[in-house]
Amino acid sequence: MRAVESIATGLRWKRLRDPVTVIGPPDAVAREACWELGAATAANLVA
């Protein structure tokens, strides 16, 4: 997580949403969080 944040900061990207971290097999809550993050990212790319 720290490495990704360092790269994003270096590229001057802004955080759209809180990061999603999944440890172990993803459950329904983790999949929903990933979907929401992807949808928010896609919406900002289109805008």
C-alpha atoms as a PDB file:
ATOM      1  CA  MET A   1       0.000   0.000   0.000  1.00  0.00           C
ATOM      2  CA  ARG A   2       2.767   2.403   0.893  1.00  0.00           C
ATOM      3  CA  ALA A   3       4.583   1.798  -2.400  1.00  0.00           C
ATOM      4  CA  VAL A   4       1.452   2.482  -4.453  1.00  0.00           C
ATOM      5  CA  GLU A   5       0.809   5.689  -2.503  1.00  0.00           C
ATOM      6  CA  SER A   6       4.404   6.827  -3.082  1.00  0.00           C
ATOM      7  CA  ILE A   7       4.102   6.248  -6.833  1.00  0.00           C
ATOM      8  CA  ALA A   8       0.735   8.007  -6.995  1.00  0.00           C
ATOM      9  CA  THR A   9       2.110  10.979  -5.064  1.00  0.00           C
ATOM     10  CA  GLY A  10       5.086  11.179  -7.410  1.00  0.00           C
ATOM     11  CA  LEU A  11       2.704  11.253 -10.382  1.00  0.00           C
ATOM     12  CA  ARG A  12       0.652  13.961  -8.626  1.00  0.00           C
ATOM     13  CA  TRP A  13      -2.467  11.832  -8.714  1.00  0.00           C
ATOM     14  CA  LYS A  14      -5.205  12.631  -6.212  1.00  0.00           C
ATOM     15  CA  ARG A  15      -7.005  10.047  -4.109  1.00  0.00           C
ATOM     16  CA  LEU A  16     -10.605   9.615  -5.197  1.00  0.00           C
ATOM     17  CA  ARG A  17     -11.628   7.172  -2.490  1.00  0.00           C
ATOM     18  CA  ASP A  18     -10.075   5.331   0.391  1.00  0.00           C
ATOM     19  CA  PRO A  19      -7.889   2.399  -0.667  1.00  0.00           C
ATOM     20  CA  VAL A  20      -9.217  -1.157  -0.541  1.00  0.00           C
ATOM     21  CA  THR A  21      -7.049  -3.803   1.098  1.00  0.00           C
ATOM     22  CA  VAL A  22      -8.077  -7.462   1.022  1.00  0.00           C
ATOM     23  CA  ILE A  23      -6.161 -10.078   2.984  1.00  0.00           C
ATOM     24  CA  GLY A  24      -7.130 -13.663   2.311  1.00  0.00           C
ATOM     25  CA  PRO A  25      -9.948 -14.834   0.075  1.00  0.00           C
ATOM     26  CA  PRO A  26     -12.257 -11.982  -0.959  1.00  0.00           C
ATOM     27  CA  ASP A  27     -15.744 -12.093   0.483  1.00  0.00           C
ATOM     28  CA  ALA A  28     -18.845 -10.262  -0.725  1.00  0.00           C
ATOM     29  CA  VAL A  29     -17.943  -7.101   1.220  1.00  0.00           C
ATOM     30  CA  ALA A  30     -14.451  -6.995  -0.294  1.00  0.00           C
ATOM     31  CA  ARG A  31     -15.800  -7.559  -3.812  1.00  0.00           C
ATOM     32  CA  GLU A  32     -18.331  -4.758  -3.349  1.00  0.00           C
ATOM     33  CA  ALA A  33     -15.610  -2.398  -2.086  1.00  0.00           C
ATOM     34  CA  CYS A  34     -13.459  -3.213  -5.128  1.00  0.00           C
ATOM     35  CA  TRP A  35     -16.411  -2.682  -7.468  1.00  0.00           C
ATOM     36  CA  GLU A  36     -17.176   0.700  -5.880  1.00  0.00           C
ATOM     37  CA  LEU A  37     -13.537   1.776  -6.190  1.00  0.00           C
ATOM     38  CA  GLY A  38     -13.435   0.741  -9.853  1.00  0.00           C
ATOM     39  CA  ALA A  39     -16.720   2.477 -10.618  1.00  0.00           C
ATOM     40  CA  ALA A  40     -15.572   5.713  -8.966  1.00  0.00           C
ATOM     41  CA  THR A  41     -12.282   5.598 -10.864  1.00  0.00           C
ATOM     42  CA  ALA A  42     -14.036   4.982 -14.190  1.00  0.00           C
ATOM     43  CA  ALA A  43     -16.500   7.789 -13.564  1.00  0.00           C
ATOM     44  CA  ASN A  44     -13.650  10.221 -12.909  1.00  0.00           C
ATOM     45  CA  LEU A  45     -11.821   9.146 -16.055  1.00  0.00           C
ATOM     46  CA  VAL A  46     -14.904   9.847 -18.178  1.00  0.00           C
ATOM     47  CA  ALA A  47     -15.579  13.245 -16.552  1.00  0.00           C
END
